[in-house]
Protein backbone atom coordinates (compact mmCIF):
# COMPACT_ATOMS: atom_id res chain seq x y z
CA MET A 1 -35.07 -41.50 -66.05
CA ALA A 2 -33.86 -44.78 -63.58
CA LYS A 3 -34.41 -44.52 -59.95
CA LEU A 4 -31.91 -44.87 -57.28
CA THR A 5 -31.36 -47.24 -55.66
CA LYS A 6 -30.69 -47.48 -52.08
CA ASN A 7 -26.97 -48.15 -51.90
CA GLN A 8 -26.73 -45.22 -54.67
CA ALA A 9 -28.63 -43.16 -52.15
CA LEU A 10 -26.49 -43.49 -49.24
CA ASP A 11 -23.38 -43.41 -51.43
CA LYS A 12 -24.84 -39.79 -52.27
CA LEU A 13 -25.81 -39.15 -48.72
CA ASP A 14 -22.53 -39.81 -47.56
CA LYS A 15 -20.17 -38.05 -50.13
CA ALA A 16 -22.67 -35.20 -49.20
CA ILE A 17 -22.23 -35.30 -45.47
CA ARG A 18 -19.28 -37.63 -44.03
CA LYS A 19 -16.73 -35.27 -44.26
CA VAL A 20 -18.03 -31.89 -42.95
CA ALA A 21 -19.97 -33.92 -40.57
CA GLU A 22 -17.25 -35.38 -38.64
CA ALA A 23 -14.90 -32.65 -38.99
CA GLY A 24 -17.16 -30.87 -37.01
CA LEU A 25 -17.48 -33.42 -34.62
CA LYS A 26 -13.69 -33.64 -33.98
CA ARG A 27 -13.16 -30.12 -33.37
CA ILE A 28 -16.44 -29.72 -30.79
CA ASP A 29 -14.60 -33.28 -29.10
CA VAL A 30 -11.74 -31.99 -29.11
CA ASN A 31 -12.37 -28.68 -27.54
CA LEU A 32 -15.43 -28.90 -26.05
CA PRO A 33 -14.18 -30.28 -22.78
CA LYS A 34 -11.13 -27.89 -22.54
CA LEU A 35 -13.41 -24.60 -23.33
CA LYS A 36 -15.84 -25.98 -20.49
CA ALA A 37 -12.56 -26.32 -18.11
CA SER A 38 -11.77 -23.14 -18.89
CA ALA A 39 -14.87 -21.64 -18.41
CA LYS A 40 -14.97 -23.23 -14.82
CA LYS A 41 -11.82 -21.84 -14.14
CA LEU A 42 -12.79 -18.31 -15.74
CA ALA A 43 -16.12 -18.53 -13.54
CA GLU A 44 -14.08 -18.88 -10.47
CA GLN A 45 -11.67 -16.58 -10.92
CA LEU A 46 -14.39 -13.81 -11.94
CA LYS A 47 -15.97 -14.87 -8.16
CA ALA A 48 -12.65 -15.08 -5.99
CA ASN A 49 -12.26 -11.50 -8.06
CA GLU A 50 -9.05 -12.05 -8.99
CA SER A 51 -6.53 -9.50 -10.51
CA PRO A 52 -7.16 -8.37 -14.32
CA ASP A 53 -3.79 -9.71 -15.08
CA LEU A 54 -4.95 -12.93 -14.15
CA ILE A 55 -8.86 -12.70 -15.49
CA ASP A 56 -7.23 -11.60 -18.82
CA THR A 57 -5.21 -14.50 -19.65
CA GLN A 58 -7.62 -16.78 -18.81
CA VAL A 59 -10.40 -14.96 -21.26
CA ARG A 60 -7.53 -15.42 -23.86
CA HIS A 61 -7.56 -18.91 -22.99
CA LEU A 62 -11.66 -19.63 -23.36
CA LYS A 63 -11.40 -17.23 -26.23
CA LEU A 64 -8.87 -20.07 -27.82
CA GLN A 65 -11.39 -22.88 -27.15
CA MET A 66 -14.10 -22.03 -27.62
CA ARG A 67 -12.84 -20.33 -31.65
CA GLY A 68 -12.30 -24.26 -31.75
CA VAL A 69 -15.52 -24.96 -30.75
CA SER A 70 -16.83 -22.50 -33.53
CA GLU A 71 -15.62 -24.02 -35.97
CA GLY A 72 -17.07 -27.04 -35.66
CA THR A 73 -20.55 -25.92 -34.90
CA THR A 74 -20.28 -24.00 -38.22
CA LEU A 75 -18.72 -27.35 -40.21
CA LEU A 76 -22.21 -29.12 -38.28
CA ASP A 77 -24.63 -26.30 -39.31
CA GLU A 78 -23.26 -26.80 -43.18
CA ALA A 79 -23.91 -30.76 -42.50
CA VAL A 80 -27.58 -29.89 -41.34
CA ARG A 81 -28.12 -27.99 -44.20
CA ARG A 82 -26.74 -29.88 -47.40
CA LEU A 83 -29.04 -33.50 -45.18
CA LYS A 84 -31.78 -30.66 -44.97
CA GLU A 85 -31.42 -29.86 -48.87
CA PHE A 86 -31.34 -34.07 -49.16
CA GLU A 87 -34.83 -34.18 -47.23
CA LYS A 88 -36.68 -31.60 -50.47
CA ASP A 89 -36.15 -34.77 -53.03
CA GLU A 90 -39.19 -36.82 -52.06
CA GLU A 91 -37.31 -39.79 -53.79
CA LEU A 92 -34.07 -39.87 -51.53
CA PHE A 93 -35.86 -39.24 -48.48
CA GLU A 94 -38.33 -41.76 -49.38
CA LEU A 95 -35.31 -44.69 -50.01
CA LEU A 96 -33.54 -43.39 -46.66
CA ALA A 97 -36.14 -41.60 -44.02
CA ASP A 98 -35.08 -43.71 -41.14
CA GLU A 99 -30.99 -42.83 -42.01
CA MET A 100 -31.45 -39.21 -42.43
CA THR A 101 -33.67 -39.24 -39.31
CA GLU A 102 -31.24 -40.55 -37.29
CA ALA A 103 -28.07 -38.40 -38.97
CA MET A 104 -30.00 -35.15 -37.97
CA GLY A 105 -29.96 -36.45 -34.34
CA TYR A 106 -27.02 -36.93 -35.11
CA ALA A 107 -25.73 -33.95 -35.93
CA THR A 108 -27.90 -31.79 -33.94
CA ARG A 109 -27.36 -33.34 -30.62
CA PRO A 110 -23.80 -32.42 -30.49
CA LEU A 111 -24.66 -29.11 -31.81
CA GLU A 112 -27.14 -27.94 -29.56
CA GLY A 113 -24.80 -29.28 -26.44
CA ALA A 114 -21.84 -27.10 -27.93
CA ARG A 115 -24.07 -24.11 -28.75
CA LYS A 116 -25.37 -24.03 -25.06
CA GLU A 117 -21.35 -24.31 -23.87
CA LEU A 118 -20.72 -20.98 -26.40
CA ALA A 119 -23.41 -19.34 -25.16
CA ASN A 120 -22.83 -19.89 -21.20
CA ALA A 121 -18.82 -19.10 -22.20
CA LYS A 122 -19.99 -15.54 -24.01
CA LYS A 123 -21.66 -14.86 -20.32
CA LEU A 124 -18.42 -15.34 -19.16
CA LEU A 125 -17.23 -13.25 -21.82
CA ASP A 126 -19.59 -10.39 -20.95
CA GLN A 127 -18.89 -11.04 -17.48
CA ALA A 128 -15.45 -10.37 -17.61
CA VAL A 129 -15.30 -7.52 -20.42
CA LYS A 130 -17.94 -5.41 -16.86
CA ALA A 131 -15.06 -6.76 -14.41
CA GLY A 132 -12.13 -5.49 -16.26
CA GLU A 133 -14.34 -2.02 -16.28
CA GLN A 134 -14.95 -2.25 -12.86
CA HIS A 135 -11.31 -3.01 -12.09
CA ALA A 136 -10.79 -0.31 -14.57
CA GLY A 137 -12.76 2.41 -11.58
CA ASP A 138 -11.43 0.57 -9.09
CA SER A 139 -8.00 1.25 -10.02
CA LYS A 140 -9.00 5.20 -10.31
CA GLN A 141 -9.87 5.39 -7.48
CA ALA A 142 -7.11 3.48 -5.54
CA ARG A 143 -4.60 5.50 -7.94
CA GLU A 144 -6.08 8.93 -6.38
CA GLU A 145 -6.58 7.73 -3.10
CA TRP A 146 -2.60 6.42 -3.01
CA ALA A 147 -1.46 9.29 -3.68
CA GLU A 148 -3.31 10.55 -1.15
CA ALA A 149 -2.31 8.42 0.95
CA VAL A 150 2.02 8.93 -0.31
CA ALA A 151 0.88 12.50 0.24
CA GLU A 152 0.00 12.60 3.51
CA VAL A 153 2.94 10.04 4.70
CA ASP A 154 5.37 12.56 2.53
CA ARG A 155 3.85 15.51 4.61
CA LEU A 156 4.09 13.54 7.84
CA ILE A 157 7.63 12.62 7.17
CA ALA A 158 8.47 16.13 5.90
CA GLY A 159 6.75 17.90 9.08
CA CYS A 160 8.86 15.12 11.74
CA THR A 161 12.40 16.51 9.63
CA LYS A 162 10.91 19.86 10.77
CA GLU A 163 9.35 19.43 14.40
CA ILE A 164 12.73 17.42 15.14
CA LYS A 165 14.57 20.34 14.28
CA ALA A 166 12.62 22.32 16.54
CA TRP A 167 12.76 20.26 19.87
CA GLU A 168 16.46 19.88 19.34
CA ALA A 169 16.78 23.27 19.63
CA TRP A 170 14.64 23.71 21.97
CA ASP A 171 16.84 21.13 24.06
CA LYS A 172 19.85 23.33 23.25
CA ALA A 173 18.07 26.65 24.79
CA ALA A 174 16.89 24.49 28.05
CA ALA A 175 20.56 23.06 28.12
CA ASP A 176 21.95 26.67 28.08
CA ALA A 177 19.45 28.25 30.02
CA VAL A 178 20.70 25.84 32.39
CA ALA A 179 24.25 26.43 32.14
CA LYS A 180 23.56 30.21 32.76
CA ARG A 181 21.61 29.25 35.74
CA ASP A 182 18.71 31.67 33.97
CA LYS A 183 15.61 29.57 36.23
CA LYS A 184 13.30 32.34 34.19
CA ALA A 185 14.68 31.32 31.19
CA LEU A 186 14.75 27.29 31.85
CA ALA A 187 10.73 27.83 33.33
CA GLN A 188 9.29 29.36 30.33
CA LEU A 189 11.74 26.88 28.01
CA GLN A 190 9.79 24.39 29.96
CA LYS A 191 6.31 25.42 29.10
CA ALA A 192 6.55 26.56 25.58
CA LYS A 193 7.17 22.91 23.86
CA PRO A 194 7.99 22.33 20.22
CA ALA A 195 4.97 21.53 17.66
CA SER A 196 4.92 17.65 17.30
CA ALA A 197 1.74 16.58 15.44
CA SER A 198 3.64 14.82 12.43
CA LEU A 199 6.06 13.18 15.55
CA ASP A 200 2.95 12.45 17.51
CA ALA A 201 1.31 10.96 14.19
CA VAL A 202 4.53 9.05 13.46
CA ALA A 203 4.69 7.36 16.75
CA LYS A 204 1.51 6.09 16.97
CA GLN A 205 1.40 4.05 13.75
CA PRO A 206 4.32 1.30 13.96
CA ALA A 207 6.39 0.10 10.90
CA GLY A 208 4.24 -0.65 8.12
CA MET A 209 1.26 1.01 9.15
CA ALA A 210 1.50 3.94 7.02
CA PHE A 211 -0.84 2.44 3.96
CA LYS A 212 -3.40 0.42 6.25
CA ALA A 213 -6.05 2.48 5.47
CA PHE A 214 -5.80 1.84 1.76
CA GLU A 215 -4.48 -1.73 1.94
CA LYS A 216 -7.87 -2.09 4.15
CA GLU A 217 -9.73 -0.74 1.32
CA PHE A 218 -8.30 -2.18 -1.67
CA LYS A 219 -7.24 -5.55 -2.42
CA THR A 220 -4.22 -4.46 -4.34
CA ASP A 221 -3.40 -7.71 -6.39
CA THR A 222 -6.60 -7.10 -8.32
CA LEU A 223 -5.37 -3.48 -9.61
CA ASP A 224 -3.79 -2.20 -12.83
CA LYS A 225 0.21 -3.83 -12.74
CA ASP A 226 0.90 -0.51 -13.29
CA LEU A 227 -0.65 0.46 -10.31
CA ARG A 228 0.73 -2.23 -8.13
CA GLU A 229 4.06 -1.04 -9.56
CA GLU A 230 3.60 2.25 -8.46
CA ILE A 231 3.01 1.16 -4.84
CA LYS A 232 5.56 -1.62 -4.62
CA ARG A 233 7.87 1.43 -5.05
CA ASP A 234 6.22 3.83 -3.09
CA ARG A 235 6.23 1.54 -0.34
CA ALA A 236 9.99 0.49 -1.08
CA GLU A 237 10.77 4.72 -0.74
CA SER A 238 8.95 5.07 1.91
CA ILE A 239 10.35 2.53 4.49
CA GLY A 240 13.72 4.46 5.34
CA PRO A 241 12.38 7.98 5.66
CA TRP A 242 9.33 6.30 7.62
CA PHE A 243 11.74 4.50 10.06
CA ARG A 244 13.66 7.73 10.80
CA SER A 245 10.85 9.66 11.33
CA GLN A 246 10.12 7.00 13.91
CA GLN A 247 13.78 7.24 15.32
CA ALA A 248 12.89 11.13 15.46
CA ALA A 249 9.67 10.48 17.18
CA LYS A 250 11.38 8.66 19.88
CA LYS A 251 14.13 10.86 19.90
CA LYS A 252 11.62 13.74 20.87
CA ALA A 253 10.13 11.93 24.17
CA GLU A 254 13.40 11.54 25.01
CA ILE A 255 13.82 15.41 24.65
CA GLU A 256 10.89 16.29 26.53
CA ALA A 257 11.41 14.07 29.73
CA ARG A 258 15.19 15.31 29.67
CA VAL A 259 13.91 18.95 29.40
CA ALA A 260 11.24 18.52 31.81
CA ALA A 261 14.19 17.22 34.20
CA ARG A 262 16.76 20.07 33.99
CA LYS A 263 17.21 22.03 37.03
CA VAL A 264 18.89 24.52 38.38
CA GLU A 265 20.79 22.98 41.29
CA PRO A 266 21.40 25.14 44.10
CA ARG A 267 25.33 25.63 44.99
CA ASP A 268 26.91 25.46 48.47
CA ALA A 269 27.35 28.86 49.67
CA ALA A 270 29.30 28.10 53.14
CA LYS A 271 32.28 26.37 50.98
CA ALA A 272 31.71 29.55 48.61
CA LEU A 273 32.57 31.78 52.18
CA ALA A 274 35.19 30.04 53.30
CA VAL A 275 36.71 29.34 49.76
CA LEU A 276 36.28 33.02 49.67
CA GLY A 277 37.17 34.43 52.67
CA LEU A 278 33.66 35.96 53.18
CA PRO A 279 31.87 36.05 56.92
CA ALA A 280 28.86 34.13 57.51
CA THR A 281 26.47 37.28 57.51
CA VAL A 282 26.70 37.65 53.87
CA LYS A 283 25.80 34.18 53.43
CA ALA A 284 22.36 34.94 51.89
CA LYS A 285 23.76 37.16 49.95
CA VAL A 286 26.58 35.01 48.69
CA GLN A 287 23.74 32.38 48.05
CA ALA A 288 21.67 34.53 45.55
CA ALA A 289 24.86 35.49 43.97
CA LEU A 290 25.52 31.48 43.81
CA ASP A 291 21.85 31.04 42.26
CA GLY A 292 21.94 34.25 40.18
CA LEU A 293 22.98 34.46 36.67
CA GLU A 294 26.70 33.16 35.98
CA ALA A 295 27.54 36.05 33.94
CA ALA A 296 26.94 38.13 36.77
CA LEU A 297 28.45 35.60 39.54
CA GLY A 298 31.96 37.61 39.48
CA LYS A 299 30.90 40.86 39.57
CA THR A 300 28.24 40.55 42.53
CA LEU A 301 31.38 38.90 44.45
CA GLU A 302 33.52 41.09 44.15
CA ALA A 303 30.77 43.73 45.44
CA ILE A 304 29.59 41.62 48.44
CA ALA A 305 33.58 41.53 49.05
CA ARG A 306 34.39 44.99 48.93
CA ALA A 307 31.29 45.82 51.84
CA CYS A 308 32.95 42.98 53.74
CA LYS A 309 36.32 45.11 53.47
CA VAL A 310 37.38 42.02 51.61
CA SER A 311 40.11 42.29 48.60
CA LEU A 312 38.76 40.26 45.57
CA SER A 313 38.27 40.82 42.07
CA ALA A 314 35.54 39.01 40.17
CA ALA A 315 38.05 37.20 38.32
CA ASP A 316 40.52 35.97 41.33
CA ALA A 317 36.00 35.53 43.05
CA VAL A 318 35.21 32.76 40.00
CA ALA A 319 38.76 31.32 39.58
CA LYS A 320 39.08 30.19 43.55
CA LEU A 321 35.36 28.82 43.30
CA LYS A 322 35.89 26.31 40.01
CA LYS A 323 39.39 25.45 42.06
CA ALA A 324 37.30 24.44 44.99
CA GLY A 325 34.85 23.31 42.47
CA VAL A 326 32.04 25.40 43.81
CA ILE A 327 30.88 26.25 40.53
């Protein structure tokens, strides 16, 4: 059997290896720079603890670049395998030892580099998986704590609604006591303030502060998308009721100051004596009647007038005092 010439051996080697090697190198040349850039970006996102959605998108991008590089390494692996098969042929190796050595380096150097970058990319993907698990855990905890935060806000809002009604009723009762000139009832009311735990708590929290404790603990843009939407919706729904609760807290403070300032003003007994035609000797009794309960005023003045032998009915006494502006 005739021996191969070197040109024939080169042609045989070229046919077996060139196309597959060049195809592999082309895929690596095109995709490896993209893989490196994508891996760098993912590493930065993981370090910055970016949102799961952003990381997930970058992971998909990196996998796409890895696929192209992996296809290239597969082709180069095949080229190396074929080259090693040729090396087993002593006749061919003797003719093409230098060329085969050069070709092996030509194929293995980029192959090793590509494998290294793929290994690094795989590590980043593993880190992304762990980050995703951590995000899932954080989101679960955040969901529980957000529910607690919303429940607390709802509790405060409901508490404010209930408490301000009690304060409004207290204000009305104090006004009624003054109108009736009931000093005792007014004093008792001024000492017995309604409950105000919710109103006081809301008064200390400026608008937007209700969920600050949660926001301090969790970076909301790294949470699950559905939870972020839930948070956005809950915050929007709470703005109106929370504002009204803060207004109620301000109203409570106004009521508290108003009731504290309420008092039963003394009436002009001297003017009342002149209007009713009663002697100065009963001024103290008239003063006591004027400062007493409104419901008993007419009857008390009628009794005082009778004792003074002055004709005066309860209705006439009240009418005259009203007309004169004494009451």
